[in-house]
Amino acid sequence: MFQPRSFSLLPPVIKNLLIINGLAYFASIVFAQMGLDLLAMFGLYLPQSPEFQPYQLVTHLFFHDLSNFSHIFGNMFALWMFGMSLENLWGSQRFFIFYFVTGLGAALCHLGVNMFEYYSYVNEYQVMGSLQAGQMAQMMLYIPTVGASGAVFGLLLGFGMTYPNQRIYLYFLMPVKAKYFVLAYGLFELFAGFSNSGSNIAHFAHIGGMLFGFLLLRYWKGKQFRRY
């Protein structure tokens, strides 16, 4: 599908993404001490929110929850772990495109699901007069979404499709082929999203990243085949 490139443990796009995410994380901590919430400024809000700005579709990918260090650590480790082989294989330009297409796709899926939920609450408030539904709708307007998880799940899907038989060691002990790991993780995210467990994890953003990653890889593959 692609011609192999030279191998690097820290290819340029991944290196710069790690640096930018790290700087954004520490800047968020520093500015929080000064009373300025960068996550509230650059996190992604519903389009119906007065806090929404179009640039948030991109900036939310570089900011992470300050109360949970595992959020940024897990995302950055997965970015390196699954992205390294892909950038070395595809080259930096194609990898850059893949990362941001899956990140933006994840954001659009997340917004689509949340907008459906938001209007359901609004309708319930207007028709049934439910104060709780009205409060939930209002609350959704002021909760930002942050994190690179959607794009990282796109990379996970890309890795599974490109190296389906590569073994991934769960907890550094249990070997599982990438294709089975990706399938199981995708099904888990789908179940978690529909179960509406009340967690603050954007499960449908993860599904969106995987979906857009799949579509982009199929498009690239079809485009290559049409050349012959």
C-alpha atoms as a PDB file:
ATOM      1  CA  MET A   1       0.000   0.000   0.000  1.00  0.00           C
ATOM      2  CA  PHE A   2       2.836   2.386   0.860  1.00  0.00           C
ATOM      3  CA  GLN A   3       6.557   2.375   0.259  1.00  0.00           C
ATOM      4  CA  PRO A   4       8.563   1.880   3.505  1.00  0.00           C
ATOM      5  CA  ARG A   5      10.547   4.881   4.727  1.00  0.00           C
ATOM      6  CA  SER A   6      13.598   5.137   6.951  1.00  0.00           C
ATOM      7  CA  PHE A   7      12.920   4.173  10.559  1.00  0.00           C
ATOM      8  CA  SER A   8      13.067   6.594  13.485  1.00  0.00           C
ATOM      9  CA  LEU A   9      12.108   6.058  17.124  1.00  0.00           C
ATOM     10  CA  LEU A  10      10.835   9.645  17.262  1.00  0.00           C
ATOM     11  CA  PRO A  11       9.720  10.786  13.797  1.00  0.00           C
ATOM     12  CA  PRO A  12       9.157  14.550  13.331  1.00  0.00           C
ATOM     13  CA  VAL A  13       5.352  14.841  13.469  1.00  0.00           C
ATOM     14  CA  ILE A  14       5.102  12.681  16.579  1.00  0.00           C
ATOM     15  CA  LYS A  15       7.985  14.565  18.194  1.00  0.00           C
ATOM     16  CA  ASN A  16       6.318  17.913  17.581  1.00  0.00           C
ATOM     17  CA  LEU A  17       2.917  16.653  18.744  1.00  0.00           C
ATOM     18  CA  LEU A  18       4.495  15.430  21.979  1.00  0.00           C
ATOM     19  CA  ILE A  19       6.206  18.791  22.501  1.00  0.00           C
ATOM     20  CA  ILE A  20       3.065  20.832  21.785  1.00  0.00           C
ATOM     21  CA  ASN A  21       0.887  18.686  24.040  1.00  0.00           C
ATOM     22  CA  GLY A  22       3.473  18.843  26.806  1.00  0.00           C
ATOM     23  CA  LEU A  23       3.803  22.624  26.539  1.00  0.00           C
ATOM     24  CA  ALA A  24       0.010  23.031  26.525  1.00  0.00           C
ATOM     25  CA  TYR A  25      -0.269  20.861  29.630  1.00  0.00           C
ATOM     26  CA  PHE A  26       2.307  22.790  31.623  1.00  0.00           C
ATOM     27  CA  ALA A  27       1.007  26.130  30.353  1.00  0.00           C
ATOM     28  CA  SER A  28      -2.444  25.130  31.613  1.00  0.00           C
ATOM     29  CA  ILE A  29      -0.991  24.467  35.061  1.00  0.00           C
ATOM     30  CA  VAL A  30       0.931  27.754  35.163  1.00  0.00           C
ATOM     31  CA  PHE A  31      -1.952  29.899  33.925  1.00  0.00           C
ATOM     32  CA  ALA A  32      -4.379  28.152  36.262  1.00  0.00           C
ATOM     33  CA  GLN A  33      -2.287  29.485  39.150  1.00  0.00           C
ATOM     34  CA  MET A  34      -2.876  32.958  37.689  1.00  0.00           C
ATOM     35  CA  GLY A  35      -6.639  32.427  37.485  1.00  0.00           C
ATOM     36  CA  LEU A  36      -6.764  31.787  33.722  1.00  0.00           C
ATOM     37  CA  ASP A  37      -8.393  28.530  32.601  1.00  0.00           C
ATOM     38  CA  LEU A  38      -6.870  27.534  29.253  1.00  0.00           C
ATOM     39  CA  LEU A  39      -9.001  24.410  29.072  1.00  0.00           C
ATOM     40  CA  ALA A  40     -12.125  26.574  29.197  1.00  0.00           C
ATOM     41  CA  MET A  41     -10.710  28.750  26.412  1.00  0.00           C
ATOM     42  CA  PHE A  42      -9.420  26.061  24.065  1.00  0.00           C
ATOM     43  CA  GLY A  43     -11.636  23.082  24.934  1.00  0.00           C
ATOM     44  CA  LEU A  44     -14.428  22.132  22.541  1.00  0.00           C
ATOM     45  CA  TYR A  45     -17.991  23.267  23.286  1.00  0.00           C
ATOM     46  CA  LEU A  46     -21.279  22.529  21.577  1.00  0.00           C
ATOM     47  CA  PRO A  47     -21.957  24.960  18.689  1.00  0.00           C
ATOM     48  CA  GLN A  48     -25.056  26.126  20.614  1.00  0.00           C
ATOM     49  CA  SER A  49     -22.869  27.282  23.493  1.00  0.00           C
ATOM     50  CA  PRO A  50     -21.918  30.964  23.798  1.00  0.00           C
ATOM     51  CA  GLU A  51     -18.408  29.660  24.575  1.00  0.00           C
ATOM     52  CA  PHE A  52     -18.026  27.901  21.226  1.00  0.00           C
ATOM     53  CA  GLN A  53     -15.359  29.075  18.787  1.00  0.00           C
ATOM     54  CA  PRO A  54     -14.445  27.304  15.493  1.00  0.00           C
ATOM     55  CA  TYR A  55     -10.754  27.105  16.408  1.00  0.00           C
ATOM     56  CA  GLN A  56     -11.667  24.809  19.299  1.00  0.00           C
ATOM     57  CA  LEU A  57     -12.146  21.985  16.787  1.00  0.00           C
ATOM     58  CA  VAL A  58      -8.343  21.908  16.558  1.00  0.00           C
ATOM     59  CA  THR A  59      -7.104  23.358  19.850  1.00  0.00           C
ATOM     60  CA  HIS A  60      -8.988  20.860  22.043  1.00  0.00           C
ATOM     61  CA  LEU A  61      -6.678  18.137  20.678  1.00  0.00           C
ATOM     62  CA  PHE A  62      -3.689  19.652  22.511  1.00  0.00           C
ATOM     63  CA  PHE A  63      -5.146  20.113  26.005  1.00  0.00           C
ATOM     64  CA  HIS A  64      -5.768  17.503  28.684  1.00  0.00           C
ATOM     65  CA  ASP A  65      -7.464  17.137  32.057  1.00  0.00           C
ATOM     66  CA  LEU A  66      -5.161  18.609  34.722  1.00  0.00           C
ATOM     67  CA  SER A  67      -6.708  16.551  37.505  1.00  0.00           C
ATOM     68  CA  ASN A  68      -5.718  13.258  35.905  1.00  0.00           C
ATOM     69  CA  PHE A  69      -2.112  12.942  34.713  1.00  0.00           C
ATOM     70  CA  SER A  70      -2.871   9.535  33.224  1.00  0.00           C
ATOM     71  CA  HIS A  71      -5.050  11.315  30.651  1.00  0.00           C
ATOM     72  CA  ILE A  72      -2.149  13.009  28.898  1.00  0.00           C
ATOM     73  CA  PHE A  73       0.366  10.254  29.691  1.00  0.00           C
ATOM     74  CA  GLY A  74      -1.842   7.528  28.224  1.00  0.00           C
ATOM     75  CA  ASN A  75      -2.626   9.545  25.106  1.00  0.00           C
ATOM     76  CA  MET A  76       0.979  10.528  24.466  1.00  0.00           C
ATOM     77  CA  PHE A  77       2.289   7.016  25.071  1.00  0.00           C
ATOM     78  CA  ALA A  78      -0.296   5.589  22.654  1.00  0.00           C
ATOM     79  CA  LEU A  79       0.513   8.340  20.137  1.00  0.00           C
ATOM     80  CA  TRP A  80       4.146   7.270  20.169  1.00  0.00           C
ATOM     81  CA  MET A  81       3.504   3.532  20.431  1.00  0.00           C
ATOM     82  CA  PHE A  82       1.042   3.240  17.537  1.00  0.00           C
ATOM     83  CA  GLY A  83       2.025   6.318  15.565  1.00  0.00           C
ATOM     84  CA  MET A  84       5.761   5.638  15.328  1.00  0.00           C
ATOM     85  CA  SER A  85       5.427   2.693  12.924  1.00  0.00           C
ATOM     86  CA  LEU A  86       2.774   4.486  10.864  1.00  0.00           C
ATOM     87  CA  GLU A  87       4.762   7.704  10.382  1.00  0.00           C
ATOM     88  CA  ASN A  88       7.863   5.720   9.487  1.00  0.00           C
ATOM     89  CA  LEU A  89       5.858   3.761   6.923  1.00  0.00           C
ATOM     90  CA  TRP A  90       3.693   6.522   5.469  1.00  0.00           C
ATOM     91  CA  GLY A  91       5.965   9.503   5.797  1.00  0.00           C
ATOM     92  CA  SER A  92       5.335  12.629   7.848  1.00  0.00           C
ATOM     93  CA  GLN A  93       2.974  14.408   5.460  1.00  0.00           C
ATOM     94  CA  ARG A  94       0.539  11.506   5.139  1.00  0.00           C
ATOM     95  CA  PHE A  95       0.734  10.788   8.858  1.00  0.00           C
ATOM     96  CA  PHE A  96      -0.008  14.454   9.650  1.00  0.00           C
ATOM     97  CA  ILE A  97      -3.096  14.332   7.435  1.00  0.00           C
ATOM     98  CA  PHE A  98      -4.272  11.078   8.994  1.00  0.00           C
ATOM     99  CA  TYR A  99      -3.832  12.351  12.548  1.00  0.00           C
ATOM    100  CA  PHE A 100      -5.823  15.540  12.061  1.00  0.00           C
ATOM    101  CA  VAL A 101      -8.525  13.998   9.866  1.00  0.00           C
ATOM    102  CA  THR A 102      -9.204  11.396  12.559  1.00  0.00           C
ATOM    103  CA  GLY A 103      -9.003  14.046  15.288  1.00  0.00           C
ATOM    104  CA  LEU A 104     -11.489  16.319  13.523  1.00  0.00           C
ATOM    105  CA  GLY A 105     -13.691  13.361  12.619  1.00  0.00           C
ATOM    106  CA  ALA A 106     -13.756  12.319  16.251  1.00  0.00           C
ATOM    107  CA  ALA A 107     -14.771  15.841  17.257  1.00  0.00           C
ATOM    108  CA  LEU A 108     -17.602  15.923  14.702  1.00  0.00           C
ATOM    109  CA  CYS A 109     -18.969  12.565  15.880  1.00  0.00           C
ATOM    110  CA  HIS A 110     -18.744  13.674  19.495  1.00  0.00           C
ATOM    111  CA  LEU A 111     -20.548  16.933  18.727  1.00  0.00           C
ATOM    112  CA  GLY A 112     -23.210  15.125  16.708  1.00  0.00           C
ATOM    113  CA  VAL A 113     -24.041  12.748  19.553  1.00  0.00           C
ATOM    114  CA  ASN A 114     -23.958  15.518  22.154  1.00  0.00           C
ATOM    115  CA  MET A 115     -26.161  17.795  20.053  1.00  0.00           C
ATOM    116  CA  PHE A 116     -28.725  14.991  19.755  1.00  0.00           C
ATOM    117  CA  GLU A 117     -28.652  14.562  23.520  1.00  0.00           C
ATOM    118  CA  TYR A 118     -28.835  18.318  24.068  1.00  0.00           C
ATOM    119  CA  TYR A 119     -31.938  18.747  21.887  1.00  0.00           C
ATOM    120  CA  SER A 120     -33.536  15.718  23.565  1.00  0.00           C
ATOM    121  CA  TYR A 121     -33.185  17.506  26.903  1.00  0.00           C
ATOM    122  CA  VAL A 122     -34.486  20.760  25.413  1.00  0.00           C
ATOM    123  CA  ASN A 123     -37.508  18.983  23.941  1.00  0.00           C
ATOM    124  CA  GLU A 124     -38.205  17.210  27.224  1.00  0.00           C
ATOM    125  CA  TYR A 125     -38.037  20.521  29.063  1.00  0.00           C
ATOM    126  CA  GLN A 126     -40.325  22.296  26.600  1.00  0.00           C
ATOM    127  CA  VAL A 127     -42.895  19.499  26.249  1.00  0.00           C
ATOM    128  CA  MET A 128     -42.840  17.883  29.687  1.00  0.00           C
ATOM    129  CA  GLY A 129     -41.701  20.864  31.728  1.00  0.00           C
ATOM    130  CA  SER A 130     -38.904  18.787  33.301  1.00  0.00           C
ATOM    131  CA  LEU A 131     -36.656  21.095  35.290  1.00  0.00           C
ATOM    132  CA  GLN A 132     -33.994  18.410  35.480  1.00  0.00           C
ATOM    133  CA  ALA A 133     -33.920  18.135  31.689  1.00  0.00           C
ATOM    134  CA  GLY A 134     -33.623  21.908  31.424  1.00  0.00           C
ATOM    135  CA  GLN A 135     -30.738  21.933  33.857  1.00  0.00           C
ATOM    136  CA  MET A 136     -28.974  19.139  31.966  1.00  0.00           C
ATOM    137  CA  ALA A 137     -29.340  20.992  28.677  1.00  0.00           C
ATOM    138  CA  GLN A 138     -27.967  24.166  30.220  1.00  0.00           C
ATOM    139  CA  MET A 139     -25.065  22.298  31.797  1.00  0.00           C
ATOM    140  CA  MET A 140     -24.072  20.708  28.483  1.00  0.00           C
ATOM    141  CA  LEU A 141     -23.491  24.161  27.015  1.00  0.00           C
ATOM    142  CA  TYR A 142     -20.677  24.898  29.443  1.00  0.00           C
ATOM    143  CA  ILE A 143     -18.739  21.623  29.623  1.00  0.00           C
ATOM    144  CA  PRO A 144     -15.659  21.648  27.345  1.00  0.00           C
ATOM    145  CA  THR A 145     -14.143  18.524  25.843  1.00  0.00           C
ATOM    146  CA  VAL A 146     -10.352  18.207  25.759  1.00  0.00           C
ATOM    147  CA  GLY A 147      -7.843  15.561  24.770  1.00  0.00           C
ATOM    148  CA  ALA A 148      -6.197  13.828  21.822  1.00  0.00           C
ATOM    149  CA  SER A 149      -8.008  10.534  22.415  1.00  0.00           C
ATOM    150  CA  GLY A 150     -10.076  10.689  19.222  1.00  0.00           C
ATOM    151  CA  ALA A 151      -7.004  11.046  17.024  1.00  0.00           C
ATOM    152  CA  VAL A 152      -5.160   8.413  19.065  1.00  0.00           C
ATOM    153  CA  PHE A 153      -7.992   5.941  18.496  1.00  0.00           C
ATOM    154  CA  GLY A 154      -7.672   6.716  14.799  1.00  0.00           C
ATOM    155  CA  LEU A 155      -4.000   5.754  15.028  1.00  0.00           C
ATOM    156  CA  LEU A 156      -4.946   2.571  16.879  1.00  0.00           C
ATOM    157  CA  LEU A 157      -7.303   1.644  14.047  1.00  0.00           C
ATOM    158  CA  GLY A 158      -4.654   2.542  11.471  1.00  0.00           C
ATOM    159  CA  PHE A 159      -2.093   0.369  13.249  1.00  0.00           C
ATOM    160  CA  GLY A 160      -4.505  -2.561  13.451  1.00  0.00           C
ATOM    161  CA  MET A 161      -5.330  -2.361   9.745  1.00  0.00           C
ATOM    162  CA  THR A 162      -1.715  -1.883   8.672  1.00  0.00           C
ATOM    163  CA  TYR A 163      -0.127  -4.420  11.008  1.00  0.00           C
ATOM    164  CA  PRO A 164      -3.042  -6.783  11.795  1.00  0.00           C
ATOM    165  CA  ASN A 165      -0.866  -9.659  13.024  1.00  0.00           C
ATOM    166  CA  GLN A 166       1.550  -7.555  15.077  1.00  0.00           C
ATOM    167  CA  ARG A 167       1.376  -8.616  18.722  1.00  0.00           C
ATOM    168  CA  ILE A 168       0.445  -6.058  21.369  1.00  0.00           C
ATOM    169  CA  TYR A 169       1.340  -6.944  24.941  1.00  0.00           C
ATOM    170  CA  LEU A 170      -1.452  -6.036  27.341  1.00  0.00           C
ATOM    171  CA  TYR A 171       0.032  -4.819  30.608  1.00  0.00           C
ATOM    172  CA  PHE A 172       3.394  -5.833  29.059  1.00  0.00           C
ATOM    173  CA  LEU A 173       2.491  -9.499  29.647  1.00  0.00           C
ATOM    174  CA  MET A 174      -0.395 -10.813  27.527  1.00  0.00           C
ATOM    175  CA  PRO A 175       0.248 -10.982  23.733  1.00  0.00           C
ATOM    176  CA  VAL A 176      -2.752 -10.155  21.519  1.00  0.00           C
ATOM    177  CA  LYS A 177      -2.758  -9.652  17.762  1.00  0.00           C
ATOM    178  CA  ALA A 178      -3.426  -6.016  16.819  1.00  0.00           C
ATOM    179  CA  LYS A 179      -6.525  -6.819  14.753  1.00  0.00           C
ATOM    180  CA  TYR A 180      -8.215  -8.532  17.699  1.00  0.00           C
ATOM    181  CA  PHE A 181      -7.163  -5.827  20.130  1.00  0.00           C
ATOM    182  CA  VAL A 182      -8.576  -3.087  17.883  1.00  0.00           C
ATOM    183  CA  LEU A 183     -11.829  -4.973  17.313  1.00  0.00           C
ATOM    184  CA  ALA A 184     -12.323  -5.649  21.019  1.00  0.00           C
ATOM    185  CA  TYR A 185     -11.492  -2.074  21.995  1.00  0.00           C
ATOM    186  CA  GLY A 186     -13.830  -0.678  19.354  1.00  0.00           C
ATOM    187  CA  LEU A 187     -16.707  -2.871  20.531  1.00  0.00           C
ATOM    188  CA  PHE A 188     -16.038  -1.879  24.125  1.00  0.00           C
ATOM    189  CA  GLU A 189     -16.150   1.827  23.243  1.00  0.00           C
ATOM    190  CA  LEU A 190     -19.390   1.311  21.323  1.00  0.00           C
ATOM    191  CA  PHE A 191     -20.962  -0.509  24.264  1.00  0.00           C
ATOM    192  CA  ALA A 192     -19.708   2.106  26.745  1.00  0.00           C
ATOM    193  CA  GLY A 193     -21.066   4.920  24.592  1.00  0.00           C
ATOM    194  CA  PHE A 194     -24.570   3.452  24.345  1.00  0.00           C
ATOM    195  CA  SER A 195     -24.653   2.315  27.966  1.00  0.00           C
ATOM    196  CA  ASN A 196     -24.430   5.984  28.993  1.00  0.00           C
ATOM    197  CA  SER A 197     -22.575   5.149  32.173  1.00  0.00           C
ATOM    198  CA  GLY A 198     -22.349   8.805  33.170  1.00  0.00           C
ATOM    199  CA  SER A 199     -18.558   8.906  32.925  1.00  0.00           C
ATOM    200  CA  ASN A 200     -16.724  11.937  31.566  1.00  0.00           C
ATOM    201  CA  ILE A 201     -15.100   9.882  28.785  1.00  0.00           C
ATOM    202  CA  ALA A 202     -16.077  10.850  25.225  1.00  0.00           C
ATOM    203  CA  HIS A 203     -16.622   7.308  23.938  1.00  0.00           C
ATOM    204  CA  PHE A 204     -18.231   8.411  20.680  1.00  0.00           C
ATOM    205  CA  ALA A 205     -15.218  10.595  19.933  1.00  0.00           C
ATOM    206  CA  HIS A 206     -13.127   7.430  20.145  1.00  0.00           C
ATOM    207  CA  ILE A 207     -15.526   5.645  17.793  1.00  0.00           C
ATOM    208  CA  GLY A 208     -15.437   8.655  15.463  1.00  0.00           C
ATOM    209  CA  GLY A 209     -11.647   8.611  15.317  1.00  0.00           C
ATOM    210  CA  MET A 210     -11.678   4.926  14.401  1.00  0.00           C
ATOM    211  CA  LEU A 211     -14.450   5.423  11.832  1.00  0.00           C
ATOM    212  CA  PHE A 212     -12.707   8.285  10.052  1.00  0.00           C
ATOM    213  CA  GLY A 213      -9.411   6.400  10.182  1.00  0.00           C
ATOM    214  CA  PHE A 214     -11.051   3.416   8.504  1.00  0.00           C
ATOM    215  CA  LEU A 215     -12.669   5.572   5.814  1.00  0.00           C
ATOM    216  CA  LEU A 216      -9.448   7.454   5.068  1.00  0.00           C
ATOM    217  CA  LEU A 217      -7.410   4.261   4.769  1.00  0.00           C
ATOM    218  CA  ARG A 218     -10.021   2.774   2.431  1.00  0.00           C
ATOM    219  CA  TYR A 219      -9.950   5.942   0.351  1.00  0.00           C
ATOM    220  CA  TRP A 220      -6.150   5.894   0.089  1.00  0.00           C
ATOM    221  CA  LYS A 221      -6.153   2.221  -0.829  1.00  0.00           C
ATOM    222  CA  GLY A 222      -8.805   2.713  -3.512  1.00  0.00           C
ATOM    223  CA  LYS A 223      -6.990   5.749  -4.887  1.00  0.00           C
ATOM    224  CA  GLN A 224      -3.750   3.773  -5.191  1.00  0.00           C
ATOM    225  CA  PHE A 225      -5.461   0.882  -6.961  1.00  0.00           C
ATOM    226  CA  ARG A 226      -7.031   3.278  -9.495  1.00  0.00           C
ATOM    227  CA  ARG A 227      -3.543   4.315 -10.634  1.00  0.00           C
ATOM    228  CA  TYR A 228      -2.947   0.956 -12.304  1.00  0.00           C
END
